[in-house]
Amino acid sequence: MSGNVFKSPDGSALTTKIKREEIPATLTKLEQLLREFGIEEIATIGSAGKKAESGDLDIAVGPVMAMDDDERQLYKQTLRSNLASRLGAENVALVGDNVHLRFPIAGRESEGPGDPDHVQIDLMLSQDPSNTAWLMAGTGTGLKGVFRNLLLAFIAKVRSIQTGKTYTLKYPGGIQVLNPDGEVVVKRTEVPQTILDQLMLNARPDDLLTFDDLLAVAERDPEIRQALRQGIPTAKVPDFIGYVSRYTKNDINSYNLVVKALGPEATIRESIRQILHLLR
């Protein structure tokens, strides 16, 4: 979520990768610690636990009630102080909206500030960790979870054009819907079924945990299917490949997976686009 937060003076990382089989016991220890400070639920975000090894663990924690910015900042500072009292100030950091821990890997504990037996854990405050985990799900294989998020956001943009309402998605945060007059008709929520219902996707949340699953359901709508491959020129909306180009520009593997997922039509269009680019 944030790269290596904990580094030695020479810039080397003070954390290491954690093996998949080490995650459950490590998270049990984390949950026991967090319960001391009023946090009752944790849930993994993204690809944590789905790959053989993870460089860090992204964890939604809560429930944390809705707060204004000042209250939220105070809550995070208090949580950081509490955790620092148990883990040591050098092993807890507050960066942006998240609290980061340098946490012992269960079964590999050893002492000393430079030992390699700690993993970075990034804590994200959530009103409902299980909902946040669904919203920010990852797979560990194939396209990264961010592309599922981008597909949801693309669908929201198409729905906005279709209906005249404004659908927005935040990660975390969920969906909010405004009517054409700018009035909130659906308050921002991470409840998965509400998100799918508002986006008019006829599916259950547990059936849409991957990019491919979401794409298959979204393409039942002919307008979305066309927009994914051709964009909506009248509304200056690019096709999906253009929409995600910021994320694939330096990631040829993800680019190829997106093109492949969209099928032969997208492959042909991309081949023509690349030929025209070379001829300029």
C-alpha atoms as a PDB file:
ATOM      1  CA  MET A   1       0.000   0.000   0.000  1.00  0.00           C
ATOM      2  CA  SER A   2       2.845   2.393   0.782  1.00  0.00           C
ATOM      3  CA  GLY A   3       6.219   0.771   0.043  1.00  0.00           C
ATOM      4  CA  ASN A   4       8.904   0.227   2.659  1.00  0.00           C
ATOM      5  CA  VAL A   5       8.214   2.536   5.601  1.00  0.00           C
ATOM      6  CA  PHE A   6      10.817   1.091   7.961  1.00  0.00           C
ATOM      7  CA  LYS A   7      14.410   1.541   6.809  1.00  0.00           C
ATOM      8  CA  SER A   8      17.869   1.625   8.353  1.00  0.00           C
ATOM      9  CA  PRO A   9      20.060   4.741   8.094  1.00  0.00           C
ATOM     10  CA  ASP A  10      21.640   3.320   4.930  1.00  0.00           C
ATOM     11  CA  GLY A  11      18.211   2.925   3.325  1.00  0.00           C
ATOM     12  CA  SER A  12      17.882  -0.841   3.527  1.00  0.00           C
ATOM     13  CA  ALA A  13      14.543  -2.328   4.550  1.00  0.00           C
ATOM     14  CA  LEU A  14      14.036  -3.426   8.153  1.00  0.00           C
ATOM     15  CA  THR A  15      11.221  -5.767   7.182  1.00  0.00           C
ATOM     16  CA  THR A  16      11.048  -8.892   5.060  1.00  0.00           C
ATOM     17  CA  LYS A  17       8.530 -10.962   3.131  1.00  0.00           C
ATOM     18  CA  ILE A  18       6.104 -13.183   4.983  1.00  0.00           C
ATOM     19  CA  LYS A  19       5.177 -16.670   3.788  1.00  0.00           C
ATOM     20  CA  ARG A  20       1.517 -17.483   3.211  1.00  0.00           C
ATOM     21  CA  GLU A  21       1.526 -20.165   5.910  1.00  0.00           C
ATOM     22  CA  GLU A  22       2.904 -17.677   8.455  1.00  0.00           C
ATOM     23  CA  ILE A  23       0.114 -15.134   7.972  1.00  0.00           C
ATOM     24  CA  PRO A  24      -2.702 -16.696  10.081  1.00  0.00           C
ATOM     25  CA  ALA A  25      -0.620 -16.993  13.254  1.00  0.00           C
ATOM     26  CA  THR A  26       0.892 -13.541  12.747  1.00  0.00           C
ATOM     27  CA  LEU A  27      -2.537 -11.973  12.310  1.00  0.00           C
ATOM     28  CA  THR A  28      -3.815 -13.776  15.411  1.00  0.00           C
ATOM     29  CA  LYS A  29      -1.079 -12.035  17.413  1.00  0.00           C
ATOM     30  CA  LEU A  30      -1.942  -8.715  15.769  1.00  0.00           C
ATOM     31  CA  GLU A  31      -5.634  -9.134  16.530  1.00  0.00           C
ATOM     32  CA  GLN A  32      -4.882  -9.921  20.178  1.00  0.00           C
ATOM     33  CA  LEU A  33      -2.840  -6.723  20.421  1.00  0.00           C
ATOM     34  CA  LEU A  34      -5.415  -4.534  18.695  1.00  0.00           C
ATOM     35  CA  ARG A  35      -8.227  -5.795  20.921  1.00  0.00           C
ATOM     36  CA  GLU A  36      -6.451  -4.179  23.849  1.00  0.00           C
ATOM     37  CA  PHE A  37      -7.134  -0.827  22.181  1.00  0.00           C
ATOM     38  CA  GLY A  38     -10.771  -1.378  21.217  1.00  0.00           C
ATOM     39  CA  ILE A  39     -10.331  -2.784  17.705  1.00  0.00           C
ATOM     40  CA  GLU A  40     -12.524  -5.866  17.407  1.00  0.00           C
ATOM     41  CA  GLU A  41     -12.222  -6.903  13.766  1.00  0.00           C
ATOM     42  CA  ILE A  42      -9.497  -7.157  11.146  1.00  0.00           C
ATOM     43  CA  ALA A  43      -9.664  -8.249   7.514  1.00  0.00           C
ATOM     44  CA  THR A  44      -6.962  -8.675   4.899  1.00  0.00           C
ATOM     45  CA  ILE A  45      -7.066  -6.411   1.849  1.00  0.00           C
ATOM     46  CA  GLY A  46      -5.790  -7.097  -1.629  1.00  0.00           C
ATOM     47  CA  SER A  47      -3.638 -10.136  -2.307  1.00  0.00           C
ATOM     48  CA  ALA A  48      -2.477 -10.790   1.266  1.00  0.00           C
ATOM     49  CA  GLY A  49      -2.548 -14.510   1.913  1.00  0.00           C
ATOM     50  CA  LYS A  50      -3.229 -15.332  -1.735  1.00  0.00           C
ATOM     51  CA  LYS A  51       0.393 -15.421  -2.907  1.00  0.00           C
ATOM     52  CA  ALA A  52       3.201 -17.688  -1.709  1.00  0.00           C
ATOM     53  CA  GLU A  53       4.889 -14.637  -0.159  1.00  0.00           C
ATOM     54  CA  SER A  54       3.798 -11.064   0.566  1.00  0.00           C
ATOM     55  CA  GLY A  55       6.104  -8.076   0.929  1.00  0.00           C
ATOM     56  CA  ASP A  56       3.680  -6.456   3.342  1.00  0.00           C
ATOM     57  CA  LEU A  57       0.163  -7.005   4.650  1.00  0.00           C
ATOM     58  CA  ASP A  58      -2.684  -4.546   4.098  1.00  0.00           C
ATOM     59  CA  ILE A  59      -5.262  -4.889   6.860  1.00  0.00           C
ATOM     60  CA  ALA A  60      -8.608  -3.144   7.390  1.00  0.00           C
ATOM     61  CA  VAL A  61      -9.293  -2.627  11.102  1.00  0.00           C
ATOM     62  CA  GLY A  62     -12.383  -1.534  12.980  1.00  0.00           C
ATOM     63  CA  PRO A  63     -15.120  -0.902  13.438  1.00  0.00           C
ATOM     64  CA  VAL A  64     -14.136   2.764  13.540  1.00  0.00           C
ATOM     65  CA  MET A  65     -17.109   5.128  13.529  1.00  0.00           C
ATOM     66  CA  ALA A  66     -17.438   7.922  10.994  1.00  0.00           C
ATOM     67  CA  MET A  67     -15.445  10.990  12.062  1.00  0.00           C
ATOM     68  CA  ASP A  68     -14.531  14.391  10.752  1.00  0.00           C
ATOM     69  CA  ASP A  69     -10.917  14.916   9.665  1.00  0.00           C
ATOM     70  CA  ASP A  70      -9.713  16.304  13.019  1.00  0.00           C
ATOM     71  CA  GLU A  71     -11.308  13.484  15.017  1.00  0.00           C
ATOM     72  CA  ARG A  72      -9.891  10.874  12.659  1.00  0.00           C
ATOM     73  CA  GLN A  73      -6.400  12.333  12.928  1.00  0.00           C
ATOM     74  CA  LEU A  74      -6.614  12.324  16.740  1.00  0.00           C
ATOM     75  CA  TYR A  75      -7.821   8.716  16.703  1.00  0.00           C
ATOM     76  CA  LYS A  76      -4.870   7.655  14.523  1.00  0.00           C
ATOM     77  CA  GLN A  77      -2.370   9.501  16.705  1.00  0.00           C
ATOM     78  CA  THR A  78      -3.800   7.857  19.818  1.00  0.00           C
ATOM     79  CA  LEU A  79      -3.684   4.426  18.186  1.00  0.00           C
ATOM     80  CA  ARG A  80      -0.091   5.021  17.128  1.00  0.00           C
ATOM     81  CA  SER A  81       0.880   5.996  20.669  1.00  0.00           C
ATOM     82  CA  ASN A  82      -0.854   2.953  22.148  1.00  0.00           C
ATOM     83  CA  LEU A  83       0.794   0.574  19.704  1.00  0.00           C
ATOM     84  CA  ALA A  84       4.175   2.237  20.197  1.00  0.00           C
ATOM     85  CA  SER A  85       3.898   1.579  23.933  1.00  0.00           C
ATOM     86  CA  ARG A  86       3.772  -2.136  23.155  1.00  0.00           C
ATOM     87  CA  LEU A  87       5.899  -2.501  20.027  1.00  0.00           C
ATOM     88  CA  GLY A  88       8.359   0.358  20.478  1.00  0.00           C
ATOM     89  CA  ALA A  89       8.155   3.784  18.852  1.00  0.00           C
ATOM     90  CA  GLU A  90      10.614   2.742  16.133  1.00  0.00           C
ATOM     91  CA  ASN A  91       8.195   0.040  14.995  1.00  0.00           C
ATOM     92  CA  VAL A  92       5.103   2.218  14.508  1.00  0.00           C
ATOM     93  CA  ALA A  93       4.621   4.997  11.964  1.00  0.00           C
ATOM     94  CA  LEU A  94       1.742   7.218  10.896  1.00  0.00           C
ATOM     95  CA  VAL A  95       1.941   8.037   7.195  1.00  0.00           C
ATOM     96  CA  GLY A  96      -0.995   9.641   5.416  1.00  0.00           C
ATOM     97  CA  ASP A  97      -4.230   7.953   6.419  1.00  0.00           C
ATOM     98  CA  ASN A  98      -2.681   4.686   7.606  1.00  0.00           C
ATOM     99  CA  VAL A  99      -0.838   3.373  10.640  1.00  0.00           C
ATOM    100  CA  HIS A 100       2.140   1.179   9.763  1.00  0.00           C
ATOM    101  CA  LEU A 101       3.688  -1.496  11.945  1.00  0.00           C
ATOM    102  CA  ARG A 102       6.956  -3.369  11.896  1.00  0.00           C
ATOM    103  CA  PHE A 103       5.508  -6.540  13.356  1.00  0.00           C
ATOM    104  CA  PRO A 104       7.137  -9.844  14.388  1.00  0.00           C
ATOM    105  CA  ILE A 105       6.421 -12.773  12.094  1.00  0.00           C
ATOM    106  CA  ALA A 106       4.940 -15.589  14.195  1.00  0.00           C
ATOM    107  CA  GLY A 107       7.421 -18.440  14.514  1.00  0.00           C
ATOM    108  CA  ARG A 108      10.395 -16.298  13.487  1.00  0.00           C
ATOM    109  CA  GLU A 109      10.580 -13.909  16.422  1.00  0.00           C
ATOM    110  CA  SER A 110      14.010 -12.655  17.412  1.00  0.00           C
ATOM    111  CA  GLU A 111      15.275  -9.538  19.117  1.00  0.00           C
ATOM    112  CA  GLY A 112      17.197  -6.539  17.871  1.00  0.00           C
ATOM    113  CA  PRO A 113      16.366  -3.542  15.677  1.00  0.00           C
ATOM    114  CA  GLY A 114      18.075  -4.963  12.602  1.00  0.00           C
ATOM    115  CA  ASP A 115      16.800  -8.506  12.552  1.00  0.00           C
ATOM    116  CA  PRO A 116      14.971  -9.731   9.438  1.00  0.00           C
ATOM    117  CA  ASP A 117      12.029 -11.392  11.161  1.00  0.00           C
ATOM    118  CA  HIS A 118       9.456  -8.614  10.932  1.00  0.00           C
ATOM    119  CA  VAL A 119       6.905  -7.815   8.269  1.00  0.00           C
ATOM    120  CA  GLN A 120       5.395  -4.426   7.485  1.00  0.00           C
ATOM    121  CA  ILE A 121       1.673  -4.319   8.258  1.00  0.00           C
ATOM    122  CA  ASP A 122      -0.373  -1.359   7.003  1.00  0.00           C
ATOM    123  CA  LEU A 123      -3.520  -0.673   9.031  1.00  0.00           C
ATOM    124  CA  MET A 124      -6.452   1.024   7.298  1.00  0.00           C
ATOM    125  CA  LEU A 125      -9.243   2.348   9.518  1.00  0.00           C
ATOM    126  CA  SER A 126     -12.668   1.068   8.493  1.00  0.00           C
ATOM    127  CA  GLN A 127     -16.261   1.284   9.663  1.00  0.00           C
ATOM    128  CA  ASP A 128     -16.707  -2.318   8.523  1.00  0.00           C
ATOM    129  CA  PRO A 129     -13.489  -4.233   7.725  1.00  0.00           C
ATOM    130  CA  SER A 130     -15.256  -7.073   5.903  1.00  0.00           C
ATOM    131  CA  ASN A 131     -16.902  -4.591   3.514  1.00  0.00           C
ATOM    132  CA  THR A 132     -13.599  -2.806   2.937  1.00  0.00           C
ATOM    133  CA  ALA A 133     -11.945  -6.154   2.218  1.00  0.00           C
ATOM    134  CA  TRP A 134     -14.528  -6.883  -0.494  1.00  0.00           C
ATOM    135  CA  LEU A 135     -14.185  -3.440  -2.019  1.00  0.00           C
ATOM    136  CA  MET A 136     -10.386  -3.744  -2.197  1.00  0.00           C
ATOM    137  CA  ALA A 137     -10.113  -7.454  -2.976  1.00  0.00           C
ATOM    138  CA  GLY A 138      -7.078  -8.826  -4.809  1.00  0.00           C
ATOM    139  CA  THR A 139      -6.366 -12.202  -6.313  1.00  0.00           C
ATOM    140  CA  GLY A 140      -2.647 -12.916  -6.032  1.00  0.00           C
ATOM    141  CA  THR A 141      -2.657 -14.078  -9.681  1.00  0.00           C
ATOM    142  CA  GLY A 142      -3.542 -12.545 -13.030  1.00  0.00           C
ATOM    143  CA  LEU A 143      -4.576  -8.902 -13.053  1.00  0.00           C
ATOM    144  CA  LYS A 144      -3.955  -6.990  -9.850  1.00  0.00           C
ATOM    145  CA  GLY A 145      -6.858  -5.984  -7.650  1.00  0.00           C
ATOM    146  CA  VAL A 146      -6.492  -2.354  -8.720  1.00  0.00           C
ATOM    147  CA  PHE A 147      -7.845  -3.280 -12.171  1.00  0.00           C
ATOM    148  CA  ARG A 148     -11.025  -4.649 -10.607  1.00  0.00           C
ATOM    149  CA  ASN A 149     -11.329  -1.319  -8.788  1.00  0.00           C
ATOM    150  CA  LEU A 150     -10.784   0.554 -12.044  1.00  0.00           C
ATOM    151  CA  LEU A 151     -13.417  -1.541 -13.800  1.00  0.00           C
ATOM    152  CA  LEU A 152     -15.947  -0.687 -11.075  1.00  0.00           C
ATOM    153  CA  ALA A 153     -15.046   2.992 -11.466  1.00  0.00           C
ATOM    154  CA  PHE A 154     -15.408   2.738 -15.258  1.00  0.00           C
ATOM    155  CA  ILE A 155     -18.837   1.176 -14.864  1.00  0.00           C
ATOM    156  CA  ALA A 156     -19.778   4.010 -12.500  1.00  0.00           C
ATOM    157  CA  LYS A 157     -18.725   6.539 -15.151  1.00  0.00           C
ATOM    158  CA  VAL A 158     -20.867   4.813 -17.795  1.00  0.00           C
ATOM    159  CA  ARG A 159     -23.853   4.715 -15.434  1.00  0.00           C
ATOM    160  CA  SER A 160     -23.411   8.433 -14.786  1.00  0.00           C
ATOM    161  CA  ILE A 161     -23.668   9.132 -18.503  1.00  0.00           C
ATOM    162  CA  GLN A 162     -26.626   6.794 -18.935  1.00  0.00           C
ATOM    163  CA  THR A 163     -28.706   8.160 -16.057  1.00  0.00           C
ATOM    164  CA  GLY A 164     -27.617  11.780 -15.586  1.00  0.00           C
ATOM    165  CA  LYS A 165     -26.775  10.992 -11.974  1.00  0.00           C
ATOM    166  CA  THR A 166     -23.210  11.125 -10.637  1.00  0.00           C
ATOM    167  CA  TYR A 167     -21.791   7.839  -9.382  1.00  0.00           C
ATOM    168  CA  THR A 168     -18.431   8.047  -7.614  1.00  0.00           C
ATOM    169  CA  LEU A 169     -16.313   5.366  -5.976  1.00  0.00           C
ATOM    170  CA  LYS A 170     -13.564   5.741  -3.392  1.00  0.00           C
ATOM    171  CA  TYR A 171     -11.109   3.099  -2.179  1.00  0.00           C
ATOM    172  CA  PRO A 172     -11.757   2.863   0.701  1.00  0.00           C
ATOM    173  CA  GLY A 173     -15.098   4.633   1.084  1.00  0.00           C
ATOM    174  CA  GLY A 174     -17.332   2.947  -1.473  1.00  0.00           C
ATOM    175  CA  ILE A 175     -20.044   4.417  -3.649  1.00  0.00           C
ATOM    176  CA  GLN A 176     -21.966   7.689  -3.505  1.00  0.00           C
ATOM    177  CA  VAL A 177     -24.734   8.763  -5.865  1.00  0.00           C
ATOM    178  CA  LEU A 178     -25.865  12.334  -6.574  1.00  0.00           C
ATOM    179  CA  ASN A 179     -28.946  13.306  -8.550  1.00  0.00           C
ATOM    180  CA  PRO A 180     -28.643  15.776 -11.464  1.00  0.00           C
ATOM    181  CA  ASP A 181     -29.171  18.655  -9.015  1.00  0.00           C
ATOM    182  CA  GLY A 182     -26.154  17.564  -6.957  1.00  0.00           C
ATOM    183  CA  GLU A 183     -28.185  16.222  -4.048  1.00  0.00           C
ATOM    184  CA  VAL A 184     -26.993  13.043  -2.355  1.00  0.00           C
ATOM    185  CA  VAL A 185     -29.451  10.230  -3.062  1.00  0.00           C
ATOM    186  CA  VAL A 186     -27.194   7.421  -1.815  1.00  0.00           C
ATOM    187  CA  LYS A 187     -24.766   8.264   0.962  1.00  0.00           C
ATOM    188  CA  ARG A 188     -21.277   6.894   0.552  1.00  0.00           C
ATOM    189  CA  THR A 189     -21.240   3.252   1.560  1.00  0.00           C
ATOM    190  CA  GLU A 190     -19.005   0.211   1.250  1.00  0.00           C
ATOM    191  CA  VAL A 191     -21.837  -2.313   1.567  1.00  0.00           C
ATOM    192  CA  PRO A 192     -21.066  -4.638  -1.374  1.00  0.00           C
ATOM    193  CA  GLN A 193     -24.637  -5.452  -2.397  1.00  0.00           C
ATOM    194  CA  THR A 194     -25.579  -1.762  -2.336  1.00  0.00           C
ATOM    195  CA  ILE A 195     -22.654  -0.982  -4.642  1.00  0.00           C
ATOM    196  CA  LEU A 196     -23.704  -3.683  -7.093  1.00  0.00           C
ATOM    197  CA  ASP A 197     -27.369  -2.673  -6.962  1.00  0.00           C
ATOM    198  CA  GLN A 198     -26.561   0.990  -7.627  1.00  0.00           C
ATOM    199  CA  LEU A 199     -24.339   0.037 -10.558  1.00  0.00           C
ATOM    200  CA  MET A 200     -27.117  -2.210 -11.849  1.00  0.00           C
ATOM    201  CA  LEU A 201     -24.958  -5.328 -11.756  1.00  0.00           C
ATOM    202  CA  ASN A 202     -27.083  -8.405 -11.218  1.00  0.00           C
ATOM    203  CA  ALA A 203     -24.761 -10.547  -9.089  1.00  0.00           C
ATOM    204  CA  ARG A 204     -23.838 -11.476  -5.547  1.00  0.00           C
ATOM    205  CA  PRO A 205     -20.742  -9.875  -3.996  1.00  0.00           C
ATOM    206  CA  ASP A 206     -19.028 -13.229  -3.427  1.00  0.00           C
ATOM    207  CA  ASP A 207     -19.268 -13.925  -7.154  1.00  0.00           C
ATOM    208  CA  LEU A 208     -17.357 -10.768  -8.117  1.00  0.00           C
ATOM    209  CA  LEU A 209     -14.018 -11.073  -6.337  1.00  0.00           C
ATOM    210  CA  THR A 210     -11.857 -10.963  -9.488  1.00  0.00           C
ATOM    211  CA  PHE A 211     -11.535  -8.735 -12.533  1.00  0.00           C
ATOM    212  CA  ASP A 212     -12.658 -11.523 -14.861  1.00  0.00           C
ATOM    213  CA  ASP A 213     -15.785 -12.235 -12.798  1.00  0.00           C
ATOM    214  CA  LEU A 214     -16.759  -8.558 -12.762  1.00  0.00           C
ATOM    215  CA  LEU A 215     -16.051  -8.164 -16.474  1.00  0.00           C
ATOM    216  CA  ALA A 216     -18.280 -11.126 -17.346  1.00  0.00           C
ATOM    217  CA  VAL A 217     -21.224  -9.602 -15.461  1.00  0.00           C
ATOM    218  CA  ALA A 218     -20.628  -6.035 -16.683  1.00  0.00           C
ATOM    219  CA  GLU A 219     -20.583  -7.124 -20.325  1.00  0.00           C
ATOM    220  CA  ARG A 220     -24.167  -8.331 -20.114  1.00  0.00           C
ATOM    221  CA  ASP A 221     -25.008  -4.647 -20.635  1.00  0.00           C
ATOM    222  CA  PRO A 222     -24.418  -3.907 -24.353  1.00  0.00           C
ATOM    223  CA  GLU A 223     -23.602  -0.244 -23.665  1.00  0.00           C
ATOM    224  CA  ILE A 224     -20.923  -1.123 -21.134  1.00  0.00           C
ATOM    225  CA  ARG A 225     -19.521  -3.791 -23.423  1.00  0.00           C
ATOM    226  CA  GLN A 226     -19.221  -1.257 -26.237  1.00  0.00           C
ATOM    227  CA  ALA A 227     -17.813   1.452 -23.973  1.00  0.00           C
ATOM    228  CA  LEU A 228     -15.091  -0.898 -22.709  1.00  0.00           C
ATOM    229  CA  ARG A 229     -13.829  -1.406 -26.264  1.00  0.00           C
ATOM    230  CA  GLN A 230     -14.692   1.865 -27.975  1.00  0.00           C
ATOM    231  CA  GLY A 231     -15.142   4.394 -25.187  1.00  0.00           C
ATOM    232  CA  ILE A 232     -17.877   7.039 -25.311  1.00  0.00           C
ATOM    233  CA  PRO A 233     -16.435   9.725 -27.621  1.00  0.00           C
ATOM    234  CA  THR A 234     -19.365  12.116 -27.159  1.00  0.00           C
ATOM    235  CA  ALA A 235     -18.637  12.213 -23.429  1.00  0.00           C
ATOM    236  CA  LYS A 236     -14.825  12.139 -23.893  1.00  0.00           C
ATOM    237  CA  VAL A 237     -14.597   8.782 -22.118  1.00  0.00           C
ATOM    238  CA  PRO A 238     -11.751   6.607 -23.463  1.00  0.00           C
ATOM    239  CA  ASP A 239     -12.016   2.892 -23.958  1.00  0.00           C
ATOM    240  CA  PHE A 240     -10.985   0.794 -20.957  1.00  0.00           C
ATOM    241  CA  ILE A 241      -7.437   0.285 -22.222  1.00  0.00           C
ATOM    242  CA  GLY A 242      -7.014   4.052 -22.395  1.00  0.00           C
ATOM    243  CA  TYR A 243      -8.790   4.476 -19.063  1.00  0.00           C
ATOM    244  CA  VAL A 244      -6.209   2.301 -17.272  1.00  0.00           C
ATOM    245  CA  SER A 245      -3.178   3.430 -19.285  1.00  0.00           C
ATOM    246  CA  ARG A 246      -1.658   5.235 -16.303  1.00  0.00           C
ATOM    247  CA  TYR A 247      -1.411   1.857 -14.581  1.00  0.00           C
ATOM    248  CA  THR A 248      -0.206  -0.166 -17.567  1.00  0.00           C
ATOM    249  CA  LYS A 249       2.249   2.330 -19.088  1.00  0.00           C
ATOM    250  CA  ASN A 250       5.175   0.714 -17.272  1.00  0.00           C
ATOM    251  CA  ASP A 251       3.574  -2.685 -16.741  1.00  0.00           C
ATOM    252  CA  ILE A 252       3.496  -4.593 -20.022  1.00  0.00           C
ATOM    253  CA  ASN A 253       2.218  -7.769 -18.362  1.00  0.00           C
ATOM    254  CA  SER A 254      -0.883  -6.032 -16.995  1.00  0.00           C
ATOM    255  CA  TYR A 255      -1.393  -4.272 -20.334  1.00  0.00           C
ATOM    256  CA  ASN A 256      -1.344  -7.600 -22.176  1.00  0.00           C
ATOM    257  CA  LEU A 257      -3.736  -9.173 -19.659  1.00  0.00           C
ATOM    258  CA  VAL A 258      -6.221  -6.290 -20.038  1.00  0.00           C
ATOM    259  CA  VAL A 259      -6.129  -6.513 -23.836  1.00  0.00           C
ATOM    260  CA  LYS A 260      -6.533 -10.291 -23.717  1.00  0.00           C
ATOM    261  CA  ALA A 261      -9.475 -10.032 -21.290  1.00  0.00           C
ATOM    262  CA  LEU A 262     -11.315  -7.694 -23.665  1.00  0.00           C
ATOM    263  CA  GLY A 263     -11.006 -10.182 -26.513  1.00  0.00           C
ATOM    264  CA  PRO A 264     -10.181 -10.142 -30.238  1.00  0.00           C
ATOM    265  CA  GLU A 265     -11.819  -6.786 -30.990  1.00  0.00           C
ATOM    266  CA  ALA A 266      -9.600  -5.043 -28.433  1.00  0.00           C
ATOM    267  CA  THR A 267      -6.540  -6.911 -29.695  1.00  0.00           C
ATOM    268  CA  ILE A 268      -7.162  -5.732 -33.258  1.00  0.00           C
ATOM    269  CA  ARG A 269      -7.857  -2.143 -32.194  1.00  0.00           C
ATOM    270  CA  GLU A 270      -4.639  -2.077 -30.136  1.00  0.00           C
ATOM    271  CA  SER A 271      -2.604  -3.501 -33.029  1.00  0.00           C
ATOM    272  CA  ILE A 272      -3.936  -0.776 -35.325  1.00  0.00           C
ATOM    273  CA  ARG A 273      -3.311   1.883 -32.666  1.00  0.00           C
ATOM    274  CA  GLN A 274       0.292   0.773 -32.264  1.00  0.00           C
ATOM    275  CA  ILE A 275       0.901   0.684 -36.038  1.00  0.00           C
ATOM    276  CA  LEU A 276      -0.472   4.224 -36.398  1.00  0.00           C
ATOM    277  CA  HIS A 277       1.722   5.345 -33.513  1.00  0.00           C
ATOM    278  CA  LEU A 278       4.827   3.930 -35.247  1.00  0.00           C
ATOM    279  CA  LEU A 279       3.916   5.685 -38.503  1.00  0.00           C
ATOM    280  CA  ARG A 280       3.749   9.116 -36.931  1.00  0.00           C
END
